[in-house]
């Protein structure tokens, strides 16, 4: 059995102690590790979406423009922001 990831160990730690879920040699660790891999990817994607919806943390100019568009603002409305960004 291969060693499980940190996320999988965290999930296994939530099982009742009498099940000994984290004990080596159990298939439960492999199953949880497989499921946890998807959770790590999902968490990374969710963090990117959260950053894109916060103006100071937006990763790209496209994110800023899309966020402005949600509020009825276009590139012309955001000129002051862009000018400030160029100066800094």
PDB file of N, CA and C in Angstrom:
ATOM      1  N   UNK A   1       0.846  -1.183   0.000  1.00  0.00           N
ATOM      2  CA  UNK A   1       0.000   0.000   0.000  1.00  0.00           C
ATOM      3  C   UNK A   1       0.887   1.240   0.000  1.00  0.00           C
ATOM      4  N   UNK A   2       0.560   2.201  -0.861  1.00  0.00           N
ATOM      5  CA  UNK A   2       1.343   3.430  -0.929  1.00  0.00           C
ATOM      6  C   UNK A   2       0.920   4.375   0.196  1.00  0.00           C
ATOM      7  N   UNK A   3       1.823   5.273   0.611  1.00  0.00           N
ATOM      8  CA  UNK A   3       1.472   6.210   1.661  1.00  0.00           C
ATOM      9  C   UNK A   3       0.388   7.178   1.176  1.00  0.00           C
ATOM     10  N   UNK A   4      -0.498   7.562   2.067  1.00  0.00           N
ATOM     11  CA  UNK A   4      -1.600   8.450   1.699  1.00  0.00           C
ATOM     12  C   UNK A   4      -1.172   9.901   1.863  1.00  0.00           C
ATOM     13  N   UNK A   5      -1.881  10.807   1.172  1.00  0.00           N
ATOM     14  CA  UNK A   5      -1.578  12.227   1.212  1.00  0.00           C
ATOM     15  C   UNK A   5      -1.989  12.836   2.556  1.00  0.00           C
ATOM     16  N   UNK A   6      -1.535  14.044   2.771  1.00  0.00           N
ATOM     17  CA  UNK A   6      -1.890  14.753   4.005  1.00  0.00           C
ATOM     18  C   UNK A   6      -3.384  14.989   4.120  1.00  0.00           C
ATOM     19  N   UNK A   7      -4.027  15.312   2.985  1.00  0.00           N
ATOM     20  CA  UNK A   7      -5.482  15.531   2.988  1.00  0.00           C
ATOM     21  C   UNK A   7      -6.193  14.239   3.374  1.00  0.00           C
ATOM     22  N   UNK A   8      -5.730  13.106   2.832  1.00  0.00           N
ATOM     23  CA  UNK A   8      -6.353  11.815   3.147  1.00  0.00           C
ATOM     24  C   UNK A   8      -6.164  11.480   4.624  1.00  0.00           C
ATOM     25  N   UNK A   9      -4.971  11.751   5.172  1.00  0.00           N
ATOM     26  CA  UNK A   9      -4.753  11.502   6.610  1.00  0.00           C
ATOM     27  C   UNK A   9      -5.704  12.341   7.458  1.00  0.00           C
ATOM     28  N   UNK A  10      -5.947  13.583   7.006  1.00  0.00           N
ATOM     29  CA  UNK A  10      -6.877  14.446   7.732  1.00  0.00           C
ATOM     30  C   UNK A  10      -8.291  13.871   7.719  1.00  0.00           C
ATOM     31  N   UNK A  11      -8.718  13.379   6.556  1.00  0.00           N
ATOM     32  CA  UNK A  11     -10.051  12.771   6.444  1.00  0.00           C
ATOM     33  C   UNK A  11     -10.127  11.502   7.290  1.00  0.00           C
ATOM     34  N   UNK A  12      -9.104  10.661   7.207  1.00  0.00           N
ATOM     35  CA  UNK A  12      -9.091   9.412   7.975  1.00  0.00           C
ATOM     36  C   UNK A  12      -9.109   9.689   9.479  1.00  0.00           C
ATOM     37  N   UNK A  13      -8.521  10.802   9.887  1.00  0.00           N
ATOM     38  CA  UNK A  13      -8.510  11.168  11.301  1.00  0.00           C
ATOM     39  C   UNK A  13      -9.884  11.499  11.856  1.00  0.00           C
ATOM     40  N   UNK A  14     -10.836  11.722  10.980  1.00  0.00           N
ATOM     41  CA  UNK A  14     -12.207  12.044  11.417  1.00  0.00           C
ATOM     42  C   UNK A  14     -13.061  10.795  11.660  1.00  0.00           C
ATOM     43  N   UNK A  15     -12.551   9.659  11.252  1.00  0.00           N
ATOM     44  CA  UNK A  15     -13.274   8.412  11.501  1.00  0.00           C
ATOM     45  C   UNK A  15     -13.162   8.055  12.986  1.00  0.00           C
ATOM     46  N   UNK A  16     -14.134   7.325  13.520  1.00  0.00           N
ATOM     47  CA  UNK A  16     -14.051   6.895  14.926  1.00  0.00           C
ATOM     48  C   UNK A  16     -12.781   6.077  15.180  1.00  0.00           C
ATOM     49  N   UNK A  17     -12.188   6.269  16.341  1.00  0.00           N
ATOM     50  CA  UNK A  17     -10.918   5.627  16.678  1.00  0.00           C
ATOM     51  C   UNK A  17     -11.007   4.106  16.620  1.00  0.00           C
ATOM     52  N   UNK A  18     -12.143   3.529  16.992  1.00  0.00           N
ATOM     53  CA  UNK A  18     -12.246   2.071  17.019  1.00  0.00           C
ATOM     54  C   UNK A  18     -12.162   1.453  15.621  1.00  0.00           C
ATOM     55  N   UNK A  19     -12.337   2.255  14.579  1.00  0.00           N
ATOM     56  CA  UNK A  19     -12.237   1.727  13.212  1.00  0.00           C
ATOM     57  C   UNK A  19     -10.779   1.619  12.747  1.00  0.00           C
ATOM     58  N   UNK A  20      -9.889   2.321  13.437  1.00  0.00           N
ATOM     59  CA  UNK A  20      -8.468   2.341  13.060  1.00  0.00           C
ATOM     60  C   UNK A  20      -8.312   2.614  11.566  1.00  0.00           C
ATOM     61  N   UNK A  21      -9.012   3.641  11.097  1.00  0.00           N
ATOM     62  CA  UNK A  21      -9.047   3.956   9.665  1.00  0.00           C
ATOM     63  C   UNK A  21      -7.669   4.295   9.109  1.00  0.00           C
ATOM     64  N   UNK A  22      -6.820   4.906   9.901  1.00  0.00           N
ATOM     65  CA  UNK A  22      -5.509   5.305   9.414  1.00  0.00           C
ATOM     66  C   UNK A  22      -4.446   4.231   9.493  1.00  0.00           C
ATOM     67  N   UNK A  23      -4.793   3.084  10.046  1.00  0.00           N
ATOM     68  CA  UNK A  23      -3.817   1.997  10.183  1.00  0.00           C
ATOM     69  C   UNK A  23      -3.423   1.475   8.805  1.00  0.00           C
ATOM     70  N   UNK A  24      -2.142   1.232   8.619  1.00  0.00           N
ATOM     71  CA  UNK A  24      -1.639   0.716   7.352  1.00  0.00           C
ATOM     72  C   UNK A  24      -2.228  -0.647   7.016  1.00  0.00           C
ATOM     73  N   UNK A  25      -2.302  -0.941   5.728  1.00  0.00           N
ATOM     74  CA  UNK A  25      -2.809  -2.234   5.293  1.00  0.00           C
ATOM     75  C   UNK A  25      -4.307  -2.252   5.044  1.00  0.00           C
ATOM     76  N   UNK A  26      -4.981  -1.139   5.276  1.00  0.00           N
ATOM     77  CA  UNK A  26      -6.421  -1.079   5.029  1.00  0.00           C
ATOM     78  C   UNK A  26      -6.683  -0.419   3.681  1.00  0.00           C
ATOM     79  N   UNK A  27      -7.667  -0.908   2.978  1.00  0.00           N
ATOM     80  CA  UNK A  27      -8.050  -0.343   1.682  1.00  0.00           C
ATOM     81  C   UNK A  27      -8.718   1.023   1.844  1.00  0.00           C
ATOM     82  N   UNK A  28      -9.264   1.293   3.009  1.00  0.00           N
ATOM     83  CA  UNK A  28      -9.954   2.551   3.249  1.00  0.00           C
ATOM     84  C   UNK A  28      -9.028   3.735   2.968  1.00  0.00           C
ATOM     85  N   UNK A  29      -7.766   3.630   3.329  1.00  0.00           N
ATOM     86  CA  UNK A  29      -6.814   4.704   3.079  1.00  0.00           C
ATOM     87  C   UNK A  29      -6.646   4.984   1.591  1.00  0.00           C
ATOM     88  N   UNK A  30      -6.593   3.936   0.781  1.00  0.00           N
ATOM     89  CA  UNK A  30      -6.453   4.106  -0.664  1.00  0.00           C
ATOM     90  C   UNK A  30      -7.694   4.768  -1.263  1.00  0.00           C
ATOM     91  N   UNK A  31      -8.869   4.350  -0.783  1.00  0.00           N
ATOM     92  CA  UNK A  31     -10.114   4.931  -1.286  1.00  0.00           C
ATOM     93  C   UNK A  31     -10.191   6.409  -0.924  1.00  0.00           C
ATOM     94  N   UNK A  32      -9.909   6.725   0.325  1.00  0.00           N
ATOM     95  CA  UNK A  32      -9.964   8.115   0.771  1.00  0.00           C
ATOM     96  C   UNK A  32      -8.924   8.946   0.035  1.00  0.00           C
ATOM     97  N   UNK A  33      -7.737   8.400  -0.199  1.00  0.00           N
ATOM     98  CA  UNK A  33      -6.695   9.119  -0.917  1.00  0.00           C
ATOM     99  C   UNK A  33      -7.156   9.454  -2.338  1.00  0.00           C
ATOM    100  N   UNK A  34      -7.819   8.528  -2.995  1.00  0.00           N
ATOM    101  CA  UNK A  34      -8.331   8.777  -4.347  1.00  0.00           C
ATOM    102  C   UNK A  34      -9.387   9.874  -4.351  1.00  0.00           C
ATOM    103  N   UNK A  35     -10.267   9.839  -3.378  1.00  0.00           N
ATOM    104  CA  UNK A  35     -11.308  10.866  -3.288  1.00  0.00           C
ATOM    105  C   UNK A  35     -10.720  12.224  -2.893  1.00  0.00           C
ATOM    106  N   UNK A  36      -9.716  12.227  -2.046  1.00  0.00           N
ATOM    107  CA  UNK A  36      -9.117  13.469  -1.568  1.00  0.00           C
ATOM    108  C   UNK A  36      -8.373  14.195  -2.679  1.00  0.00           C
ATOM    109  N   UNK A  37      -7.837  13.471  -3.646  1.00  0.00           N
ATOM    110  CA  UNK A  37      -7.132  14.111  -4.761  1.00  0.00           C
ATOM    111  C   UNK A  37      -8.062  15.062  -5.503  1.00  0.00           C
ATOM    112  N   UNK A  38      -9.283  14.645  -5.693  1.00  0.00           N
ATOM    113  CA  UNK A  38     -10.274  15.514  -6.330  1.00  0.00           C
ATOM    114  C   UNK A  38     -10.606  16.729  -5.481  1.00  0.00           C
ATOM    115  N   UNK A  39     -10.601  16.565  -4.176  1.00  0.00           N
ATOM    116  CA  UNK A  39     -10.880  17.686  -3.275  1.00  0.00           C
ATOM    117  C   UNK A  39      -9.789  18.749  -3.357  1.00  0.00           C
ATOM    118  N   UNK A  40      -8.540  18.331  -3.496  1.00  0.00           N
ATOM    119  CA  UNK A  40      -7.447  19.289  -3.612  1.00  0.00           C
ATOM    120  C   UNK A  40      -7.590  20.117  -4.882  1.00  0.00           C
ATOM    121  N   UNK A  41      -7.931  19.484  -5.980  1.00  0.00           N
ATOM    122  CA  UNK A  41      -8.128  20.194  -7.241  1.00  0.00           C
ATOM    123  C   UNK A  41      -9.313  21.147  -7.131  1.00  0.00           C
ATOM    124  N   UNK A  42     -10.400  20.694  -6.546  1.00  0.00           N
ATOM    125  CA  UNK A  42     -11.581  21.530  -6.365  1.00  0.00           C
ATOM    126  C   UNK A  42     -11.265  22.735  -5.484  1.00  0.00           C
ATOM    127  N   UNK A  43     -10.519  22.537  -4.415  1.00  0.00           N
ATOM    128  CA  UNK A  43     -10.155  23.639  -3.531  1.00  0.00           C
ATOM    129  C   UNK A  43      -9.301  24.677  -4.246  1.00  0.00           C
ATOM    130  N   UNK A  44      -8.382  24.237  -5.095  1.00  0.00           N
ATOM    131  CA  UNK A  44      -7.547  25.166  -5.859  1.00  0.00           C
ATOM    132  C   UNK A  44      -8.385  25.968  -6.850  1.00  0.00           C
ATOM    133  N   UNK A  45      -9.319  25.308  -7.525  1.00  0.00           N
ATOM    134  CA  UNK A  45     -10.196  26.006  -8.467  1.00  0.00           C
ATOM    135  C   UNK A  45     -11.083  27.012  -7.746  1.00  0.00           C
ATOM    136  N   UNK A  46     -11.605  26.633  -6.609  1.00  0.00           N
ATOM    137  CA  UNK A  46     -12.459  27.526  -5.830  1.00  0.00           C
ATOM    138  C   UNK A  46     -11.681  28.745  -5.343  1.00  0.00           C
ATOM    139  N   UNK A  47     -10.445  28.558  -4.941  1.00  0.00           N
ATOM    140  CA  UNK A  47      -9.615  29.684  -4.508  1.00  0.00           C
ATOM    141  C   UNK A  47      -9.375  30.656  -5.658  1.00  0.00           C
ATOM    142  N   UNK A  48      -9.175  30.143  -6.869  1.00  0.00           N
ATOM    143  CA  UNK A  48      -8.975  31.013  -8.032  1.00  0.00           C
ATOM    144  C   UNK A  48     -10.225  31.834  -8.318  1.00  0.00           C
ATOM    145  N   UNK A  49     -11.393  31.231  -8.178  1.00  0.00           N
ATOM    146  CA  UNK A  49     -12.646  31.960  -8.402  1.00  0.00           C
ATOM    147  C   UNK A  49     -12.815  33.041  -7.337  1.00  0.00           C
ATOM    148  N   UNK A  50     -12.507  32.715  -6.097  1.00  0.00           N
ATOM    149  CA  UNK A  50     -12.613  33.720  -5.029  1.00  0.00           C
ATOM    150  C   UNK A  50     -11.691  34.903  -5.290  1.00  0.00           C
ATOM    151  N   UNK A  51     -10.457  34.624  -5.711  1.00  0.00           N
ATOM    152  CA  UNK A  51      -9.516  35.714  -6.015  1.00  0.00           C
ATOM    153  C   UNK A  51     -10.033  36.570  -7.163  1.00  0.00           C
ATOM    154  N   UNK A  52     -10.612  35.950  -8.170  1.00  0.00           N
ATOM    155  CA  UNK A  52     -11.096  36.685  -9.329  1.00  0.00           C
ATOM    156  C   UNK A  52     -12.249  37.617  -8.973  1.00  0.00           C
ATOM    157  N   UNK A  53     -12.965  37.336  -7.906  1.00  0.00           N
ATOM    158  CA  UNK A  53     -14.100  38.159  -7.506  1.00  0.00           C
ATOM    159  C   UNK A  53     -13.735  39.230  -6.482  1.00  0.00           C
ATOM    160  N   UNK A  54     -12.465  39.353  -6.164  1.00  0.00           N
ATOM    161  CA  UNK A  54     -12.011  40.401  -5.251  1.00  0.00           C
ATOM    162  C   UNK A  54     -11.054  41.294  -6.019  1.00  0.00           C
ATOM    163  N   UNK A  55     -11.439  42.528  -6.214  1.00  0.00           N
ATOM    164  CA  UNK A  55     -10.683  43.439  -7.059  1.00  0.00           C
ATOM    165  C   UNK A  55      -9.195  43.511  -6.723  1.00  0.00           C
ATOM    166  N   UNK A  56      -8.817  43.668  -5.453  1.00  0.00           N
ATOM    167  CA  UNK A  56      -7.377  43.754  -5.177  1.00  0.00           C
ATOM    168  C   UNK A  56      -6.620  42.438  -5.408  1.00  0.00           C
ATOM    169  N   UNK A  57      -7.341  41.322  -5.483  1.00  0.00           N
ATOM    170  CA  UNK A  57      -6.695  40.015  -5.607  1.00  0.00           C
ATOM    171  C   UNK A  57      -6.883  39.375  -6.980  1.00  0.00           C
ATOM    172  N   UNK A  58      -7.512  40.098  -7.915  1.00  0.00           N
ATOM    173  CA  UNK A  58      -7.775  39.532  -9.241  1.00  0.00           C
ATOM    174  C   UNK A  58      -6.452  39.189  -9.918  1.00  0.00           C
ATOM    175  N   UNK A  59      -6.380  37.991 -10.500  1.00  0.00           N
ATOM    176  CA  UNK A  59      -5.149  37.517 -11.137  1.00  0.00           C
ATOM    177  C   UNK A  59      -4.889  38.173 -12.489  1.00  0.00           C
ATOM    178  N   UNK A  60      -5.957  38.535 -13.206  1.00  0.00           N
ATOM    179  CA  UNK A  60      -5.780  39.059 -14.561  1.00  0.00           C
ATOM    180  C   UNK A  60      -6.653  40.288 -14.776  1.00  0.00           C
ATOM    181  N   UNK A  61      -6.305  41.066 -15.792  1.00  0.00           N
ATOM    182  CA  UNK A  61      -7.103  42.233 -16.177  1.00  0.00           C
ATOM    183  C   UNK A  61      -8.496  41.786 -16.605  1.00  0.00           C
ATOM    184  N   UNK A  62      -8.561  40.646 -17.236  1.00  0.00           N
ATOM    185  CA  UNK A  62      -9.859  40.098 -17.665  1.00  0.00           C
ATOM    186  C   UNK A  62     -10.788  39.924 -16.465  1.00  0.00           C
ATOM    187  N   UNK A  63     -10.244  39.445 -15.343  1.00  0.00           N
ATOM    188  CA  UNK A  63     -11.055  39.276 -14.132  1.00  0.00           C
ATOM    189  C   UNK A  63     -11.624  40.612 -13.668  1.00  0.00           C
ATOM    190  N   UNK A  64     -10.800  41.665 -13.729  1.00  0.00           N
ATOM    191  CA  UNK A  64     -11.256  42.995 -13.305  1.00  0.00           C
ATOM    192  C   UNK A  64     -12.370  43.484 -14.218  1.00  0.00           C
ATOM    193  N   UNK A  65     -12.187  43.317 -15.534  1.00  0.00           N
ATOM    194  CA  UNK A  65     -13.207  43.767 -16.480  1.00  0.00           C
ATOM    195  C   UNK A  65     -14.507  42.987 -16.324  1.00  0.00           C
ATOM    196  N   UNK A  66     -14.409  41.686 -16.109  1.00  0.00           N
ATOM    197  CA  UNK A  66     -15.621  40.878 -15.909  1.00  0.00           C
ATOM    198  C   UNK A  66     -16.327  41.271 -14.618  1.00  0.00           C
ATOM    199  N   UNK A  67     -15.560  41.543 -13.575  1.00  0.00           N
ATOM    200  CA  UNK A  67     -16.159  41.970 -12.313  1.00  0.00           C
ATOM    201  C   UNK A  67     -16.856  43.313 -12.483  1.00  0.00           C
ATOM    202  N   UNK A  68     -16.219  44.232 -13.204  1.00  0.00           N
ATOM    203  CA  UNK A  68     -16.851  45.523 -13.487  1.00  0.00           C
ATOM    204  C   UNK A  68     -18.111  45.352 -14.313  1.00  0.00           C
ATOM    205  N   UNK A  69     -18.069  44.438 -15.296  1.00  0.00           N
ATOM    206  CA  UNK A  69     -19.232  44.185 -16.137  1.00  0.00           C
ATOM    207  C   UNK A  69     -20.433  43.693 -15.357  1.00  0.00           C
ATOM    208  N   UNK A  70     -20.191  42.961 -14.294  1.00  0.00           N
ATOM    209  CA  UNK A  70     -21.304  42.508 -13.447  1.00  0.00           C
ATOM    210  C   UNK A  70     -22.045  43.680 -12.816  1.00  0.00           C
ATOM    211  N   UNK A  71     -21.348  44.801 -12.699  1.00  0.00           N
ATOM    212  CA  UNK A  71     -21.932  45.988 -12.067  1.00  0.00           C
ATOM    213  C   UNK A  71     -22.234  47.084 -13.084  1.00  0.00           C
ATOM    214  N   UNK A  72     -22.254  46.716 -14.369  1.00  0.00           N
ATOM    215  CA  UNK A  72     -22.593  47.661 -15.420  1.00  0.00           C
ATOM    216  C   UNK A  72     -21.485  48.649 -15.752  1.00  0.00           C
ATOM    217  N   UNK A  73     -20.256  48.301 -15.436  1.00  0.00           N
ATOM    218  CA  UNK A  73     -19.130  49.185 -15.699  1.00  0.00           C
ATOM    219  C   UNK A  73     -18.323  48.643 -16.867  1.00  0.00           C
ATOM    220  N   UNK A  74     -17.871  49.530 -17.746  1.00  0.00           N
ATOM    221  CA  UNK A  74     -17.043  49.139 -18.874  1.00  0.00           C
ATOM    222  C   UNK A  74     -15.614  49.615 -18.688  1.00  0.00           C
ATOM    223  N   UNK A  75     -14.803  49.436 -19.735  1.00  0.00           N
ATOM    224  CA  UNK A  75     -13.395  49.847 -19.667  1.00  0.00           C
ATOM    225  C   UNK A  75     -13.274  51.339 -19.418  1.00  0.00           C
ATOM    226  N   UNK A  76     -14.170  52.140 -20.015  1.00  0.00           N
ATOM    227  CA  UNK A  76     -14.138  53.593 -19.814  1.00  0.00           C
ATOM    228  C   UNK A  76     -14.347  53.983 -18.357  1.00  0.00           C
ATOM    229  N   UNK A  77     -15.218  53.264 -17.678  1.00  0.00           N
ATOM    230  CA  UNK A  77     -15.489  53.549 -16.264  1.00  0.00           C
ATOM    231  C   UNK A  77     -14.305  53.184 -15.378  1.00  0.00           C
ATOM    232  N   UNK A  78     -13.473  52.296 -15.857  1.00  0.00           N
ATOM    233  CA  UNK A  78     -12.351  51.823 -15.053  1.00  0.00           C
ATOM    234  C   UNK A  78     -11.026  52.498 -15.426  1.00  0.00           C
ATOM    235  N   UNK A  79     -11.075  53.548 -16.266  1.00  0.00           N
ATOM    236  CA  UNK A  79      -9.858  54.223 -16.706  1.00  0.00           C
ATOM    237  C   UNK A  79      -9.017  54.729 -15.543  1.00  0.00           C
ATOM    238  N   UNK A  80      -9.660  55.294 -14.536  1.00  0.00           N
ATOM    239  CA  UNK A  80      -8.935  55.812 -13.376  1.00  0.00           C
ATOM    240  C   UNK A  80      -8.161  54.692 -12.681  1.00  0.00           C
ATOM    241  N   UNK A  81      -8.780  53.562 -12.547  1.00  0.00           N
ATOM    242  CA  UNK A  81      -8.107  52.411 -11.938  1.00  0.00           C
ATOM    243  C   UNK A  81      -6.897  51.987 -12.766  1.00  0.00           C
ATOM    244  N   UNK A  82      -7.066  51.934 -14.080  1.00  0.00           N
ATOM    245  CA  UNK A  82      -5.958  51.539 -14.951  1.00  0.00           C
ATOM    246  C   UNK A  82      -4.827  52.553 -14.922  1.00  0.00           C
ATOM    247  N   UNK A  83      -5.174  53.838 -14.897  1.00  0.00           N
ATOM    248  CA  UNK A  83      -4.156  54.895 -14.835  1.00  0.00           C
ATOM    249  C   UNK A  83      -3.350  54.773 -13.545  1.00  0.00           C
ATOM    250  N   UNK A  84      -4.023  54.520 -12.450  1.00  0.00           N
ATOM    251  CA  UNK A  84      -3.338  54.356 -11.164  1.00  0.00           C
ATOM    252  C   UNK A  84      -2.417  53.137 -11.203  1.00  0.00           C
ATOM    253  N   UNK A  85      -2.908  52.054 -11.814  1.00  0.00           N
ATOM    254  CA  UNK A  85      -2.096  50.842 -11.917  1.00  0.00           C
ATOM    255  C   UNK A  85      -0.839  51.061 -12.741  1.00  0.00           C
ATOM    256  N   UNK A  86      -0.941  51.855 -13.802  1.00  0.00           N
ATOM    257  CA  UNK A  86       0.232  52.142 -14.631  1.00  0.00           C
ATOM    258  C   UNK A  86       1.259  52.960 -13.865  1.00  0.00           C
ATOM    259  N   UNK A  87       0.793  53.890 -13.025  1.00  0.00           N
ATOM    260  CA  UNK A  87       1.731  54.720 -12.254  1.00  0.00           C
ATOM    261  C   UNK A  87       2.468  53.934 -11.185  1.00  0.00           C
ATOM    262  N   UNK A  88       1.793  52.925 -10.638  1.00  0.00           N
ATOM    263  CA  UNK A  88       2.439  52.129  -9.586  1.00  0.00           C
ATOM    264  C   UNK A  88       3.151  50.986 -10.214  1.00  0.00           C
TER     265      UNK A  88
END
